[in-house]
Amino acid sequence: MIESVHGRLLAKSPAEAVIDLHGLAIAARISLTTYDRLPSIGQDAQMYTRLFVRDEQFELFGFATRDERWIFEELISVSGVGPKLALTLLSGMPVEAVRETIATGDSARLKAVRGIGAKIADRVVLELGKKFSGSAPEWTASASTVGAPAVMQARQALLALGLSLAEVEKSLESARGQDIDNVEDLIKFALRKG
């Protein structure tokens, strides 16, 4: 899984953003919420991502915040809600409004978003209402979210090696307290801790 991308923003539109990762350009589908939060073209940008592989087709989705990505992932867990419909919903209202609308069971407000029908809105509220009415996930400002290139590279490598996201987060947080700042040492430290 590609957890996040960080690089120079080459292009953006309300539906897509392209980021240069040291010579490799990555295109990601985005919501209007993410589009509004992206910097100007030519500046550094970071997006949290979700990669879909379906029928030999790869599609990358990008989000300005972890919270938006979490909501997206919860939405696509609902039967009948695919990634494009989830992006439509996240484009139709701010992230916090989506969370609040689902938590309070306001399916009428969901139906007001173009492309969201009554059956889907009711299913989203039914399946996610309890989960969204609880406390929101806490995204700590750990080493993995700071955006340091070494930490991000180590994070992606550790995830590719099969460590869980929780294990990677915990290891990188511990490494930050040890003043480890290069990719190889971060990976070695995390593997020893695991």
C-alpha atoms as a PDB file:
ATOM      1  CA  MET A   1       0.000   0.000   0.000  1.00  0.00           C
ATOM      2  CA  ILE A   2       1.209   3.495  -0.764  1.00  0.00           C
ATOM      3  CA  GLU A   3       0.607   5.304   2.532  1.00  0.00           C
ATOM      4  CA  SER A   4       1.387   8.834   1.394  1.00  0.00           C
ATOM      5  CA  VAL A   5       3.211  10.836  -1.235  1.00  0.00           C
ATOM      6  CA  HIS A   6       5.271  13.961  -0.715  1.00  0.00           C
ATOM      7  CA  GLY A   7       6.839  16.052  -3.440  1.00  0.00           C
ATOM      8  CA  ARG A   8       6.429  19.013  -5.762  1.00  0.00           C
ATOM      9  CA  LEU A   9       2.900  19.640  -7.042  1.00  0.00           C
ATOM     10  CA  LEU A  10       3.055  19.547 -10.853  1.00  0.00           C
ATOM     11  CA  ALA A  11      -0.634  19.955 -11.669  1.00  0.00           C
ATOM     12  CA  LYS A  12      -4.017  20.016  -9.993  1.00  0.00           C
ATOM     13  CA  SER A  13      -7.648  20.077 -11.009  1.00  0.00           C
ATOM     14  CA  PRO A  14     -10.805  19.549  -8.950  1.00  0.00           C
ATOM     15  CA  ALA A  15     -10.605  15.828  -9.782  1.00  0.00           C
ATOM     16  CA  GLU A  16      -6.868  15.045  -9.875  1.00  0.00           C
ATOM     17  CA  ALA A  17      -3.479  16.077  -8.532  1.00  0.00           C
ATOM     18  CA  VAL A  18      -0.044  15.203  -9.917  1.00  0.00           C
ATOM     19  CA  ILE A  19       2.966  15.165  -7.593  1.00  0.00           C
ATOM     20  CA  ASP A  20       6.605  14.801  -8.675  1.00  0.00           C
ATOM     21  CA  LEU A  21       8.461  12.348  -6.441  1.00  0.00           C
ATOM     22  CA  HIS A  22      12.049  13.054  -7.501  1.00  0.00           C
ATOM     23  CA  GLY A  23      11.397  12.364 -11.177  1.00  0.00           C
ATOM     24  CA  LEU A  24       8.432   9.999 -10.823  1.00  0.00           C
ATOM     25  CA  ALA A  25       5.102  11.754 -11.358  1.00  0.00           C
ATOM     26  CA  ILE A  26       2.181  10.277  -9.396  1.00  0.00           C
ATOM     27  CA  ALA A  27      -1.406  11.136 -10.371  1.00  0.00           C
ATOM     28  CA  ALA A  28      -4.134  10.721  -7.769  1.00  0.00           C
ATOM     29  CA  ARG A  29      -7.882  11.215  -7.906  1.00  0.00           C
ATOM     30  CA  ILE A  30      -8.949  13.745  -5.274  1.00  0.00           C
ATOM     31  CA  SER A  31     -12.034  15.325  -3.724  1.00  0.00           C
ATOM     32  CA  LEU A  32     -12.850  19.024  -3.880  1.00  0.00           C
ATOM     33  CA  THR A  33     -11.961  19.200  -0.190  1.00  0.00           C
ATOM     34  CA  THR A  34      -8.421  18.029  -0.935  1.00  0.00           C
ATOM     35  CA  TYR A  35      -8.206  20.283  -3.995  1.00  0.00           C
ATOM     36  CA  ASP A  36      -9.002  23.316  -1.829  1.00  0.00           C
ATOM     37  CA  ARG A  37      -6.233  22.397   0.624  1.00  0.00           C
ATOM     38  CA  LEU A  38      -3.478  21.774  -1.927  1.00  0.00           C
ATOM     39  CA  PRO A  39      -0.777  24.445  -2.274  1.00  0.00           C
ATOM     40  CA  SER A  40      -0.009  26.315  -5.485  1.00  0.00           C
ATOM     41  CA  ILE A  41       1.571  24.461  -8.394  1.00  0.00           C
ATOM     42  CA  GLY A  42       5.332  24.185  -7.936  1.00  0.00           C
ATOM     43  CA  GLN A  43       5.184  24.014  -4.127  1.00  0.00           C
ATOM     44  CA  ASP A  44       5.713  20.989  -1.884  1.00  0.00           C
ATOM     45  CA  ALA A  45       2.581  18.949  -1.231  1.00  0.00           C
ATOM     46  CA  GLN A  46       1.726  15.857   0.760  1.00  0.00           C
ATOM     47  CA  MET A  47      -1.265  13.589   0.325  1.00  0.00           C
ATOM     48  CA  TYR A  48      -2.348  10.494   2.224  1.00  0.00           C
ATOM     49  CA  THR A  49      -3.278   7.858  -0.302  1.00  0.00           C
ATOM     50  CA  ARG A  50      -5.291   4.723  -0.967  1.00  0.00           C
ATOM     51  CA  LEU A  51      -4.387   2.461  -3.887  1.00  0.00           C
ATOM     52  CA  PHE A  52      -7.060   0.369  -5.599  1.00  0.00           C
ATOM     53  CA  VAL A  53      -6.263  -2.545  -7.848  1.00  0.00           C
ATOM     54  CA  ARG A  54      -9.265  -3.846  -9.715  1.00  0.00           C
ATOM     55  CA  ASP A  55      -9.313  -5.867 -12.935  1.00  0.00           C
ATOM     56  CA  GLU A  56      -5.610  -5.175 -13.520  1.00  0.00           C
ATOM     57  CA  GLN A  57      -6.255  -1.434 -13.278  1.00  0.00           C
ATOM     58  CA  PHE A  58      -4.452   0.666 -10.669  1.00  0.00           C
ATOM     59  CA  GLU A  59      -6.081   3.799  -9.317  1.00  0.00           C
ATOM     60  CA  LEU A  60      -4.595   6.034  -6.637  1.00  0.00           C
ATOM     61  CA  PHE A  61      -6.785   8.263  -4.471  1.00  0.00           C
ATOM     62  CA  GLY A  62      -5.256  11.172  -2.550  1.00  0.00           C
ATOM     63  CA  PHE A  63      -6.432  13.029   0.549  1.00  0.00           C
ATOM     64  CA  ALA A  64      -5.282  16.170   2.323  1.00  0.00           C
ATOM     65  CA  THR A  65      -5.692  14.622   5.773  1.00  0.00           C
ATOM     66  CA  ARG A  66      -5.655  11.215   7.391  1.00  0.00           C
ATOM     67  CA  ASP A  67      -9.168  11.872   8.649  1.00  0.00           C
ATOM     68  CA  GLU A  68     -10.495  12.358   5.127  1.00  0.00           C
ATOM     69  CA  ARG A  69      -8.816   9.125   4.033  1.00  0.00           C
ATOM     70  CA  TRP A  70     -10.254   7.276   7.048  1.00  0.00           C
ATOM     71  CA  ILE A  71     -13.762   8.471   6.225  1.00  0.00           C
ATOM     72  CA  PHE A  72     -13.229   7.478   2.583  1.00  0.00           C
ATOM     73  CA  GLU A  73     -12.162   3.978   3.644  1.00  0.00           C
ATOM     74  CA  GLU A  74     -15.162   3.637   5.924  1.00  0.00           C
ATOM     75  CA  LEU A  75     -17.508   4.801   3.167  1.00  0.00           C
ATOM     76  CA  ILE A  76     -16.205   2.261   0.658  1.00  0.00           C
ATOM     77  CA  SER A  77     -16.738  -0.502   3.219  1.00  0.00           C
ATOM     78  CA  VAL A  78     -20.482   0.067   2.797  1.00  0.00           C
ATOM     79  CA  SER A  79     -22.096  -2.199   0.219  1.00  0.00           C
ATOM     80  CA  GLY A  80     -22.881  -0.234  -2.936  1.00  0.00           C
ATOM     81  CA  VAL A  81     -20.418   2.589  -2.230  1.00  0.00           C
ATOM     82  CA  GLY A  82     -17.390   2.525  -4.487  1.00  0.00           C
ATOM     83  CA  PRO A  83     -14.405   4.864  -4.473  1.00  0.00           C
ATOM     84  CA  LYS A  84     -15.902   7.301  -6.971  1.00  0.00           C
ATOM     85  CA  LEU A  85     -19.142   7.624  -5.017  1.00  0.00           C
ATOM     86  CA  ALA A  86     -17.182   8.091  -1.780  1.00  0.00           C
ATOM     87  CA  LEU A  87     -15.176  10.892  -3.445  1.00  0.00           C
ATOM     88  CA  THR A  88     -18.426  12.454  -4.634  1.00  0.00           C
ATOM     89  CA  LEU A  89     -19.699  12.528  -1.070  1.00  0.00           C
ATOM     90  CA  LEU A  90     -16.428  13.980   0.248  1.00  0.00           C
ATOM     91  CA  SER A  91     -16.586  16.615  -2.505  1.00  0.00           C
ATOM     92  CA  GLY A  92     -20.186  17.482  -1.629  1.00  0.00           C
ATOM     93  CA  MET A  93     -19.519  18.632   1.929  1.00  0.00           C
ATOM     94  CA  PRO A  94     -16.594  19.241   4.292  1.00  0.00           C
ATOM     95  CA  VAL A  95     -15.068  16.221   6.038  1.00  0.00           C
ATOM     96  CA  GLU A  96     -16.394  17.178   9.476  1.00  0.00           C
ATOM     97  CA  ALA A  97     -19.875  17.674   8.018  1.00  0.00           C
ATOM     98  CA  VAL A  98     -19.770  14.171   6.515  1.00  0.00           C
ATOM     99  CA  ARG A  99     -18.804  12.723   9.883  1.00  0.00           C
ATOM    100  CA  GLU A 100     -21.470  14.700  11.753  1.00  0.00           C
ATOM    101  CA  THR A 101     -24.174  13.946   9.190  1.00  0.00           C
ATOM    102  CA  ILE A 102     -23.569  10.201   9.406  1.00  0.00           C
ATOM    103  CA  ALA A 103     -23.191  10.235  13.211  1.00  0.00           C
ATOM    104  CA  THR A 104     -26.518  12.034  13.668  1.00  0.00           C
ATOM    105  CA  GLY A 105     -28.309   9.801  11.161  1.00  0.00           C
ATOM    106  CA  ASP A 106     -29.204  12.692   8.844  1.00  0.00           C
ATOM    107  CA  SER A 107     -29.636  10.674   5.655  1.00  0.00           C
ATOM    108  CA  ALA A 108     -31.631  13.538   4.115  1.00  0.00           C
ATOM    109  CA  ARG A 109     -28.503  15.691   4.116  1.00  0.00           C
ATOM    110  CA  LEU A 110     -26.545  12.897   2.437  1.00  0.00           C
ATOM    111  CA  LYS A 111     -29.261  12.602  -0.225  1.00  0.00           C
ATOM    112  CA  ALA A 112     -28.790  16.291  -1.004  1.00  0.00           C
ATOM    113  CA  VAL A 113     -25.339  15.499  -2.436  1.00  0.00           C
ATOM    114  CA  ARG A 114     -25.663  14.943  -6.160  1.00  0.00           C
ATOM    115  CA  GLY A 115     -25.230  11.260  -7.018  1.00  0.00           C
ATOM    116  CA  ILE A 116     -26.207   9.948  -3.570  1.00  0.00           C
ATOM    117  CA  GLY A 117     -29.567   8.192  -3.695  1.00  0.00           C
ATOM    118  CA  ALA A 118     -31.938   7.437  -0.833  1.00  0.00           C
ATOM    119  CA  LYS A 119     -31.020   3.758  -0.595  1.00  0.00           C
ATOM    120  CA  ILE A 120     -27.271   4.458  -0.399  1.00  0.00           C
ATOM    121  CA  ALA A 121     -27.718   7.344   2.058  1.00  0.00           C
ATOM    122  CA  ASP A 122     -29.820   5.174   4.367  1.00  0.00           C
ATOM    123  CA  ARG A 123     -27.325   2.290   4.137  1.00  0.00           C
ATOM    124  CA  VAL A 124     -24.378   4.585   4.947  1.00  0.00           C
ATOM    125  CA  VAL A 125     -26.142   5.963   8.018  1.00  0.00           C
ATOM    126  CA  LEU A 126     -27.220   2.492   9.146  1.00  0.00           C
ATOM    127  CA  GLU A 127     -23.797   0.856   8.744  1.00  0.00           C
ATOM    128  CA  LEU A 128     -21.555   3.730   9.883  1.00  0.00           C
ATOM    129  CA  GLY A 129     -23.715   5.719  12.312  1.00  0.00           C
ATOM    130  CA  LYS A 130     -22.442   4.040  15.475  1.00  0.00           C
ATOM    131  CA  LYS A 131     -18.823   4.080  14.341  1.00  0.00           C
ATOM    132  CA  PHE A 132     -18.968   7.789  13.481  1.00  0.00           C
ATOM    133  CA  SER A 133     -20.838   8.758  16.651  1.00  0.00           C
ATOM    134  CA  GLY A 134     -17.924   7.461  18.745  1.00  0.00           C
ATOM    135  CA  SER A 135     -14.741   9.404  19.203  1.00  0.00           C
ATOM    136  CA  ALA A 136     -12.768  10.209  16.075  1.00  0.00           C
ATOM    137  CA  PRO A 137      -9.475   8.437  15.467  1.00  0.00           C
ATOM    138  CA  GLU A 138      -6.571  10.267  17.005  1.00  0.00           C
ATOM    139  CA  TRP A 139      -3.862  11.015  14.497  1.00  0.00           C
ATOM    140  CA  THR A 140      -0.805  11.855  16.523  1.00  0.00           C
ATOM    141  CA  ALA A 141       1.993  14.022  15.219  1.00  0.00           C
ATOM    142  CA  SER A 142       4.410  11.123  15.192  1.00  0.00           C
ATOM    143  CA  ALA A 143       7.592  10.902  13.192  1.00  0.00           C
ATOM    144  CA  SER A 144       5.697   9.362  10.309  1.00  0.00           C
ATOM    145  CA  THR A 145       3.473  12.399   9.838  1.00  0.00           C
ATOM    146  CA  VAL A 146       6.136  15.073  10.036  1.00  0.00           C
ATOM    147  CA  GLY A 147       7.013  14.585   6.385  1.00  0.00           C
ATOM    148  CA  ALA A 148      10.754  14.062   6.732  1.00  0.00           C
ATOM    149  CA  PRO A 149      11.874  12.218   3.584  1.00  0.00           C
ATOM    150  CA  ALA A 150      13.881   9.579   5.506  1.00  0.00           C
ATOM    151  CA  VAL A 151      10.967   8.783   7.789  1.00  0.00           C
ATOM    152  CA  MET A 152       8.520   8.564   4.895  1.00  0.00           C
ATOM    153  CA  GLN A 153      10.850   6.262   2.933  1.00  0.00           C
ATOM    154  CA  ALA A 154      11.412   4.049   5.953  1.00  0.00           C
ATOM    155  CA  ARG A 155       7.676   3.924   6.591  1.00  0.00           C
ATOM    156  CA  GLN A 156       6.908   2.809   3.039  1.00  0.00           C
ATOM    157  CA  ALA A 157       9.681   0.191   3.159  1.00  0.00           C
ATOM    158  CA  LEU A 158       8.453  -1.230   6.473  1.00  0.00           C
ATOM    159  CA  LEU A 159       4.878  -1.443   5.202  1.00  0.00           C
ATOM    160  CA  ALA A 160       6.148  -3.186   2.070  1.00  0.00           C
ATOM    161  CA  LEU A 161       7.988  -5.680   4.308  1.00  0.00           C
ATOM    162  CA  GLY A 162       4.662  -6.664   5.846  1.00  0.00           C
ATOM    163  CA  LEU A 163       4.625  -4.772   9.138  1.00  0.00           C
ATOM    164  CA  SER A 164       1.240  -3.453  10.168  1.00  0.00           C
ATOM    165  CA  LEU A 165       0.576   0.274  10.171  1.00  0.00           C
ATOM    166  CA  ALA A 166       0.334   0.242  13.986  1.00  0.00           C
ATOM    167  CA  GLU A 167       3.717  -1.494  14.304  1.00  0.00           C
ATOM    168  CA  VAL A 168       5.337   0.959  11.906  1.00  0.00           C
ATOM    169  CA  GLU A 169       3.874   3.982  13.719  1.00  0.00           C
ATOM    170  CA  LYS A 170       5.041   2.702  17.104  1.00  0.00           C
ATOM    171  CA  SER A 171       8.553   1.906  15.857  1.00  0.00           C
ATOM    172  CA  LEU A 172       9.005   5.249  14.126  1.00  0.00           C
ATOM    173  CA  GLU A 173       7.793   7.098  17.192  1.00  0.00           C
ATOM    174  CA  SER A 174      10.381   5.223  19.283  1.00  0.00           C
ATOM    175  CA  ALA A 175      13.073   5.985  16.701  1.00  0.00           C
ATOM    176  CA  ARG A 176      12.312   9.684  16.927  1.00  0.00           C
ATOM    177  CA  GLY A 177      13.265   9.591  20.604  1.00  0.00           C
ATOM    178  CA  GLN A 178      16.588   7.966  19.628  1.00  0.00           C
ATOM    179  CA  ASP A 179      17.550  10.717  17.132  1.00  0.00           C
ATOM    180  CA  ILE A 180      17.796   8.234  14.256  1.00  0.00           C
ATOM    181  CA  ASP A 181      17.511  10.163  11.020  1.00  0.00           C
ATOM    182  CA  ASN A 182      18.553   8.036   8.030  1.00  0.00           C
ATOM    183  CA  VAL A 183      16.446   5.469   6.183  1.00  0.00           C
ATOM    184  CA  GLU A 184      18.628   2.404   6.751  1.00  0.00           C
ATOM    185  CA  ASP A 185      18.976   2.985  10.494  1.00  0.00           C
ATOM    186  CA  LEU A 186      15.244   3.668  10.847  1.00  0.00           C
ATOM    187  CA  ILE A 187      14.405   0.381   9.124  1.00  0.00           C
ATOM    188  CA  LYS A 188      16.957  -1.578  11.196  1.00  0.00           C
ATOM    189  CA  PHE A 189      15.669  -0.014  14.425  1.00  0.00           C
ATOM    190  CA  ALA A 190      12.038  -0.822  13.547  1.00  0.00           C
ATOM    191  CA  LEU A 191      12.842  -4.425  12.632  1.00  0.00           C
ATOM    192  CA  ARG A 192      14.748  -4.934  15.894  1.00  0.00           C
ATOM    193  CA  LYS A 193      11.869  -3.444  17.907  1.00  0.00           C
ATOM    194  CA  GLY A 194       9.305  -5.675  16.143  1.00  0.00           C
END
